[in-house]
Amino acid sequence: MVVEITGLMSGTSLDGLDMCHTRFNLDESTGKWSYEILAAEDESYPADLKHKLATAQNMTAEEYALLNSDYGLYLGERVREFVVKHNIKPNYIASHGHTIFHQPSRRFTTQIGSGAGIAAESGIDTICDFRTVDVALGGQGAPLVPVGDRNLFSEFAYCLNLGGFSNISFDNADGSRGAYDISPVNYVLNHYTRSIGLDYDKDGEIARGGVVNNDLLERLNNLEFYKISGPKSLGREWVEGSVIPLIDSFGLKIEDGLSTFVEHVAIQISGHIKEGRVLLTGGGALNTYLVERMQANAPQCEYFVPDRRTINFKEALIFAFLGALWVANIPNCLSSVTGARYDNIGGALYKSGVKR
């Protein structure tokens, strides 16, 4: 089976839209997948859209419904332009959407961005809504990337993504895939840099110039989430309710707050890696200071920072792969990592209605 899919990813850190068009090949005699990225782009959000996505949780039902439609149409427009620019012909779009609510303990999760709007505006059949079946089955609906890690990056002992949150995946001793969220990363760091007019702390230089506040560091490391074992995931709600108010209560200079939080992230990650090669992806892999502190806290492992395309587009690539699994009728949500009752196939298909 050969299929070409354009994957769309919007992370919780609101750094923009990633588009990755990939050709996947399934060798049905071995069950092995191979892939080739044919085109990839990222695009920052317009200021007004970025503000709406950042505040959507406080909208009225009507405002939320309108944003869901408008954002879906926006995604469809972006893909239509992307396809023409690169002269590619996707069989499908696979869209993650942008997470607004994620409360699996209450059996719901919401990723905004109308699949109907994407399909209608792009003229391409669209697969979206990858998390909700898993949550309905009692799972966390996250992380979803590990199924791609296992199939596409099996040469690494661990795959560690440093995006809005850090998440890790690896093979357990029994051969099952283990994965979970570890801590917030860019969601918090970017929250504070935006307060001084910067989208992010380039290379971690602001944090590097700060001093770690040991009292705050201890309080962060003792937060209840870090004591939970088993499948677990993080969302905006916990960060805004527990992490940011705690940091704010110390009234630190921004460089000291960032330095302390970077150290917190490095310590939390070090507690989940034994040894071996670790693939680093996500925007945080470009934060030189963060990677240095991670290495200092886990000298027994080898952190591998790949090429910029893999760093920047791995999540969009893997959501495209989730779409390929959906097309092949193969589970794309692993119960061993989400805690669902069983492996399942997440995703809803919206037909474009356009003859191609």
Protein backbone atom coordinates (compact mmCIF):
# COMPACT_ATOMS: atom_id res chain seq x y z
CA MET A 1 0.00 0.00 0.00
CA VAL A 2 1.28 3.44 -0.95
CA VAL A 3 -0.50 6.59 0.23
CA GLU A 4 0.38 10.28 0.28
CA ILE A 5 -0.92 12.33 3.22
CA THR A 6 -0.46 15.91 4.33
CA GLY A 7 -0.25 16.06 8.12
CA LEU A 8 -1.25 19.20 10.02
CA MET A 9 -0.09 19.95 13.55
CA SER A 10 -0.79 22.89 15.85
CA GLY A 11 0.93 22.65 19.22
CA THR A 12 -0.25 23.97 22.57
CA SER A 13 2.59 26.51 22.57
CA LEU A 14 0.80 28.35 19.70
CA ASP A 15 3.97 28.71 17.65
CA GLY A 16 1.98 28.12 14.45
CA LEU A 17 0.87 25.53 11.92
CA ASP A 18 3.13 22.72 10.68
CA MET A 19 2.34 21.05 7.35
CA CYS A 20 4.19 17.90 6.30
CA HIS A 21 3.38 15.99 3.10
CA THR A 22 4.66 12.43 3.20
CA ARG A 23 4.55 9.33 1.03
CA PHE A 24 4.10 6.17 3.12
CA ASN A 25 4.73 2.64 1.89
CA LEU A 26 3.49 -0.42 3.76
CA ASP A 27 5.25 -3.67 2.88
CA GLU A 28 2.33 -5.97 3.53
CA SER A 29 4.54 -9.07 3.58
CA THR A 30 6.55 -7.78 6.56
CA GLY A 31 4.25 -5.16 8.08
CA LYS A 32 7.11 -2.64 7.87
CA TRP A 33 6.49 0.99 7.01
CA SER A 34 8.82 3.37 5.19
CA TYR A 35 8.32 7.05 4.48
CA GLU A 36 9.59 9.97 2.45
CA ILE A 37 8.86 13.61 3.28
CA LEU A 38 8.09 15.33 -0.02
CA ALA A 39 7.33 18.84 1.28
CA ALA A 40 7.13 20.61 4.63
CA GLU A 41 6.39 24.14 5.80
CA ASP A 42 5.52 25.97 8.97
CA GLU A 43 3.52 29.14 9.24
CA SER A 44 3.02 31.54 12.13
CA TYR A 45 -0.56 32.36 13.01
CA PRO A 46 -1.96 35.83 12.32
CA ALA A 47 -2.14 37.78 15.59
CA ASP A 48 -5.95 37.78 15.75
CA LEU A 49 -6.22 34.02 15.17
CA LYS A 50 -3.48 33.35 17.71
CA HIS A 51 -5.37 35.40 20.29
CA LYS A 52 -8.64 33.57 19.57
CA LEU A 53 -7.02 30.14 19.91
CA ALA A 54 -5.33 31.22 23.14
CA THR A 55 -8.64 32.36 24.67
CA ALA A 56 -11.09 29.89 23.10
CA GLN A 57 -11.73 28.16 26.42
CA ASN A 58 -13.50 31.31 27.63
CA MET A 59 -15.73 31.82 24.58
CA THR A 60 -19.48 31.49 24.45
CA ALA A 61 -20.82 28.40 22.69
CA GLU A 62 -21.66 30.48 19.61
CA GLU A 63 -18.20 32.12 19.49
CA TYR A 64 -16.57 28.71 19.90
CA ALA A 65 -18.65 27.17 17.09
CA LEU A 66 -17.74 30.08 14.79
CA LEU A 67 -14.02 29.72 15.57
CA ASN A 68 -14.20 25.98 14.93
CA SER A 69 -15.62 26.69 11.48
CA ASP A 70 -13.33 29.63 10.68
CA TYR A 71 -10.21 27.78 11.80
CA GLY A 72 -11.14 24.72 9.73
CA LEU A 73 -11.58 26.92 6.66
CA TYR A 74 -8.26 28.62 7.42
CA LEU A 75 -6.50 25.23 7.57
CA GLY A 76 -8.11 24.19 4.30
CA GLU A 77 -6.93 27.39 2.62
CA ARG A 78 -3.38 26.89 3.87
CA VAL A 79 -3.28 23.32 2.53
CA ARG A 80 -4.72 24.36 -0.82
CA GLU A 81 -1.92 26.91 -1.24
CA PHE A 82 0.69 24.43 0.05
CA VAL A 83 -0.40 21.76 -2.46
CA VAL A 84 -0.25 24.15 -5.41
CA LYS A 85 3.11 25.59 -4.36
CA HIS A 86 4.78 22.17 -4.11
CA ASN A 87 2.86 20.47 -6.96
CA ILE A 88 1.77 17.57 -4.75
CA LYS A 89 -1.40 15.49 -4.72
CA PRO A 90 -2.38 14.26 -1.26
CA ASN A 91 -4.76 11.35 -1.03
CA TYR A 92 -5.81 12.67 2.38
CA ILE A 93 -5.21 15.42 4.91
CA ALA A 94 -4.65 14.26 8.50
CA SER A 95 -5.31 17.11 10.92
CA HIS A 96 -4.61 17.14 14.64
CA GLY A 97 -6.48 20.40 15.19
CA HIS A 98 -5.65 22.70 18.11
CA THR A 99 -6.35 21.38 21.60
CA ILE A 100 -8.66 23.62 23.62
CA PHE A 101 -9.97 21.23 26.28
CA HIS A 102 -8.28 18.03 27.41
CA GLN A 103 -9.87 16.41 30.45
CA PRO A 104 -9.75 12.64 29.91
CA SER A 105 -10.68 11.97 33.55
CA ARG A 106 -14.05 13.49 32.67
CA ARG A 107 -14.13 11.55 29.39
CA PHE A 108 -13.75 14.44 26.97
CA THR A 109 -11.15 16.15 24.83
CA THR A 110 -11.59 18.79 22.12
CA GLN A 111 -9.35 19.72 19.21
CA ILE A 112 -10.77 22.70 17.34
CA GLY A 113 -10.68 23.00 13.55
CA SER A 114 -13.65 21.72 11.53
CA GLY A 115 -12.74 18.71 9.41
CA ALA A 116 -15.66 19.58 7.14
CA GLY A 117 -14.21 23.04 6.65
CA ILE A 118 -10.77 21.66 5.83
CA ALA A 119 -12.16 19.20 3.30
CA ALA A 120 -14.49 21.75 1.70
CA GLU A 121 -11.87 24.47 1.36
CA SER A 122 -9.00 22.21 0.23
CA GLY A 123 -10.96 19.78 -1.91
CA ILE A 124 -9.14 16.90 -0.18
CA ASP A 125 -10.69 14.17 1.99
CA THR A 126 -9.76 14.93 5.59
CA ILE A 127 -9.19 12.68 8.59
CA CYS A 128 -9.32 14.43 11.97
CA ASP A 129 -10.51 14.04 15.57
CA PHE A 130 -7.91 11.39 16.39
CA ARG A 131 -8.23 11.45 20.20
CA THR A 132 -11.91 11.18 21.11
CA VAL A 133 -12.47 7.44 20.54
CA ASP A 134 -9.59 6.63 22.85
CA VAL A 135 -10.94 8.96 25.55
CA ALA A 136 -14.40 7.39 25.16
CA LEU A 137 -12.71 4.02 25.78
CA GLY A 138 -11.33 5.29 29.09
CA GLY A 139 -7.93 6.30 27.73
CA GLN A 140 -6.00 9.54 27.96
CA GLY A 141 -6.31 10.19 24.23
CA ALA A 142 -2.60 10.92 24.44
CA PRO A 143 0.14 10.57 23.63
CA LEU A 144 -0.56 9.50 20.06
CA VAL A 145 2.95 9.93 18.66
CA PRO A 146 4.37 6.65 20.10
CA VAL A 147 2.81 4.48 17.40
CA GLY A 148 4.82 6.54 14.89
CA ASP A 149 7.95 6.38 17.03
CA ARG A 150 7.76 2.59 17.08
CA ASN A 151 7.21 2.25 13.33
CA LEU A 152 9.38 5.07 11.96
CA PHE A 153 12.16 5.68 14.53
CA SER A 154 12.82 2.25 16.03
CA GLU A 155 16.63 2.74 16.11
CA PHE A 156 16.35 4.94 19.22
CA ALA A 157 15.91 3.69 22.79
CA TYR A 158 13.72 6.72 23.55
CA CYS A 159 11.89 9.31 21.51
CA LEU A 160 11.54 12.56 23.45
CA ASN A 161 9.50 15.46 22.11
CA LEU A 162 9.97 18.91 23.62
CA GLY A 163 6.96 20.93 22.55
CA GLY A 164 4.35 22.67 24.66
CA PHE A 165 4.81 19.61 26.87
CA SER A 166 7.53 16.99 27.00
CA ASN A 167 6.47 13.46 26.15
CA ILE A 168 8.46 10.29 25.86
CA SER A 169 8.02 6.88 24.26
CA PHE A 170 10.00 3.64 24.49
CA ASP A 171 9.64 -0.13 24.34
CA ASN A 172 8.93 -1.88 27.63
CA ALA A 173 10.67 -5.11 28.59
CA ASP A 174 7.57 -7.09 27.56
CA GLY A 175 7.63 -5.55 24.07
CA SER A 176 4.70 -3.20 24.62
CA ARG A 177 5.14 0.51 23.92
CA GLY A 178 5.29 2.81 26.91
CA ALA A 179 4.66 6.54 26.66
CA TYR A 180 3.34 9.49 28.62
CA ASP A 181 3.68 13.22 29.14
CA ILE A 182 6.47 14.22 31.53
CA SER A 183 6.13 17.95 32.14
CA PRO A 184 5.22 21.28 30.60
CA VAL A 185 8.02 22.86 28.55
CA ASN A 186 7.39 25.56 25.94
CA TYR A 187 3.85 26.21 27.11
CA VAL A 188 5.32 27.74 30.25
CA LEU A 189 8.56 29.17 28.84
CA ASN A 190 6.76 30.93 25.98
CA HIS A 191 4.08 32.25 28.35
CA TYR A 192 6.74 34.31 30.09
CA THR A 193 8.73 35.38 27.02
CA ARG A 194 5.53 36.69 25.43
CA SER A 195 5.19 39.03 28.42
CA ILE A 196 8.33 40.83 27.19
CA GLY A 197 7.37 40.77 23.52
CA LEU A 198 9.28 37.63 22.45
CA ASP A 199 7.71 34.49 21.01
CA TYR A 200 10.36 32.31 22.67
CA ASP A 201 13.75 32.35 24.40
CA LYS A 202 16.15 31.82 21.48
CA ASP A 203 18.77 29.19 22.38
CA GLY A 204 17.68 29.57 26.03
CA GLU A 205 19.93 32.61 26.43
CA ILE A 206 17.57 34.46 28.80
CA ALA A 207 17.31 31.38 31.02
CA ARG A 208 21.08 30.91 30.86
CA GLY A 209 21.52 34.38 32.36
CA GLY A 210 19.27 33.68 35.33
CA VAL A 211 19.75 32.11 38.75
CA VAL A 212 17.83 29.02 39.86
CA ASN A 213 15.50 29.66 42.81
CA ASN A 214 15.82 26.46 44.82
CA ASP A 215 12.63 27.03 46.82
CA LEU A 216 10.54 27.34 43.66
CA LEU A 217 12.39 24.41 42.08
CA GLU A 218 11.50 22.20 45.04
CA ARG A 219 7.86 23.26 44.95
CA LEU A 220 7.64 22.55 41.22
CA ASN A 221 9.25 19.13 41.57
CA ASN A 222 6.79 18.22 44.32
CA LEU A 223 3.65 18.93 42.31
CA GLU A 224 1.17 16.07 42.54
CA PHE A 225 1.22 15.19 38.82
CA TYR A 226 4.81 13.98 39.09
CA LYS A 227 3.82 11.38 41.67
CA ILE A 228 1.30 9.69 39.36
CA SER A 229 2.44 6.51 37.60
CA GLY A 230 1.03 4.80 34.54
CA PRO A 231 -0.57 6.41 31.47
CA LYS A 232 -0.93 10.14 32.06
CA SER A 233 -1.19 13.28 29.98
CA LEU A 234 -1.08 17.01 30.50
CA GLY A 235 -3.29 19.81 29.30
CA ARG A 236 -3.53 23.57 29.45
CA GLU A 237 -5.88 23.45 32.42
CA TRP A 238 -3.34 21.94 34.83
CA VAL A 239 -0.60 24.35 33.81
CA GLU A 240 -2.80 27.40 34.16
CA GLY A 241 -4.26 26.20 37.44
CA SER A 242 -1.18 24.81 39.18
CA VAL A 243 2.12 25.74 37.52
CA ILE A 244 1.87 29.36 36.39
CA PRO A 245 0.23 30.61 39.63
CA LEU A 246 3.00 28.90 41.62
CA ILE A 247 5.75 30.56 39.57
CA ASP A 248 3.98 33.93 39.72
CA SER A 249 3.70 33.73 43.51
CA PHE A 250 7.51 34.00 43.80
CA GLY A 251 7.67 37.30 41.89
CA LEU A 252 11.00 36.46 40.24
CA LYS A 253 12.79 38.36 37.51
CA ILE A 254 11.99 36.73 34.18
CA GLU A 255 15.51 35.32 33.70
CA ASP A 256 15.41 33.66 37.13
CA GLY A 257 11.94 32.23 36.52
CA LEU A 258 12.99 30.81 33.15
CA SER A 259 16.25 29.41 34.53
CA THR A 260 14.38 27.71 37.38
CA PHE A 261 11.78 26.23 35.08
CA VAL A 262 14.40 24.94 32.63
CA GLU A 263 16.12 23.19 35.54
CA HIS A 264 12.78 21.74 36.61
CA VAL A 265 12.16 20.35 33.11
CA ALA A 266 15.67 18.84 32.95
CA ILE A 267 15.26 17.17 36.35
CA GLN A 268 11.85 15.73 35.51
CA ILE A 269 13.07 14.32 32.19
CA SER A 270 16.18 12.78 33.78
CA GLY A 271 13.95 10.69 36.03
CA HIS A 272 12.46 8.86 33.04
CA ILE A 273 15.55 7.93 31.01
CA LYS A 274 17.86 5.07 32.02
CA GLU A 275 20.44 4.99 29.24
CA GLY A 276 20.84 4.77 25.47
CA ARG A 277 20.25 7.00 22.46
CA VAL A 278 17.47 9.56 22.77
CA LEU A 279 15.91 11.25 19.73
CA LEU A 280 15.08 14.88 20.51
CA THR A 281 12.43 16.70 18.49
CA GLY A 282 10.09 19.65 18.92
CA GLY A 283 10.96 23.30 19.37
CA GLY A 284 12.68 22.62 22.68
CA ALA A 285 15.36 20.60 20.90
CA LEU A 286 16.63 23.95 19.56
CA ASN A 287 16.88 25.39 23.09
CA THR A 288 20.62 24.92 23.58
CA TYR A 289 20.56 25.71 27.27
CA LEU A 290 17.71 23.30 27.98
CA VAL A 291 19.52 20.46 26.18
CA GLU A 292 22.71 21.24 28.13
CA ARG A 293 20.84 21.03 31.43
CA MET A 294 19.14 17.79 30.34
CA GLN A 295 22.53 16.27 29.50
CA ALA A 296 23.99 17.42 32.82
CA ASN A 297 21.12 15.78 34.70
CA ALA A 298 21.28 12.53 32.68
CA PRO A 299 24.92 11.95 31.68
CA GLN A 300 24.27 8.24 31.10
CA CYS A 301 22.35 8.85 27.88
CA GLU A 302 23.17 10.24 24.44
CA TYR A 303 20.84 12.96 23.24
CA PHE A 304 20.61 13.07 19.45
CA VAL A 305 19.36 16.26 17.81
CA PRO A 306 18.42 15.41 14.19
CA ASP A 307 18.12 17.63 11.12
CA ARG A 308 15.89 20.69 11.36
CA ARG A 309 13.15 19.16 9.21
CA THR A 310 12.77 16.21 11.59
CA ILE A 311 12.92 18.49 14.62
CA ASN A 312 10.32 20.87 13.31
CA PHE A 313 7.96 18.50 11.53
CA LYS A 314 8.08 15.17 13.38
CA GLU A 315 4.65 15.62 14.96
CA ALA A 316 3.04 16.67 11.67
CA LEU A 317 4.79 13.70 10.02
CA ILE A 318 3.40 11.32 12.63
CA PHE A 319 -0.13 12.70 12.40
CA ALA A 320 0.13 12.04 8.68
CA PHE A 321 1.19 8.52 9.65
CA LEU A 322 -1.83 8.18 11.96
CA GLY A 323 -3.87 8.96 8.87
CA ALA A 324 -2.03 6.26 6.91
CA LEU A 325 -2.81 3.74 9.66
CA TRP A 326 -6.46 4.82 9.56
CA VAL A 327 -6.52 4.21 5.80
CA ALA A 328 -4.89 0.79 6.28
CA ASN A 329 -7.43 -0.07 9.03
CA ILE A 330 -4.62 -0.57 11.57
CA PRO A 331 -4.91 0.73 15.18
CA ASN A 332 -3.30 4.15 15.61
CA CYS A 333 -3.97 4.53 19.36
CA LEU A 334 -2.06 2.14 21.64
CA SER A 335 -3.83 1.18 24.85
CA SER A 336 -0.46 0.44 26.47
CA VAL A 337 0.29 4.17 26.41
CA THR A 338 -3.15 5.75 26.72
CA GLY A 339 -4.73 3.35 29.23
CA ALA A 340 -7.78 2.73 27.00
CA ARG A 341 -9.59 -0.59 27.23
CA TYR A 342 -8.02 -1.73 23.96
CA ASP A 343 -6.06 -0.50 20.94
CA ASN A 344 -8.29 1.51 18.67
CA ILE A 345 -8.48 3.41 15.38
CA GLY A 346 -9.00 7.09 16.07
CA GLY A 347 -10.15 9.52 13.42
CA ALA A 348 -13.24 10.74 11.57
CA LEU A 349 -13.35 11.12 7.78
CA TYR A 350 -14.82 14.15 6.04
CA LYS A 351 -15.26 13.65 2.30
CA SER A 352 -14.52 16.71 0.20
CA GLY A 353 -17.22 15.99 -2.33
CA VAL A 354 -14.82 17.03 -5.08
CA LYS A 355 -14.09 14.61 -7.92
CA ARG A 356 -10.37 14.23 -8.47
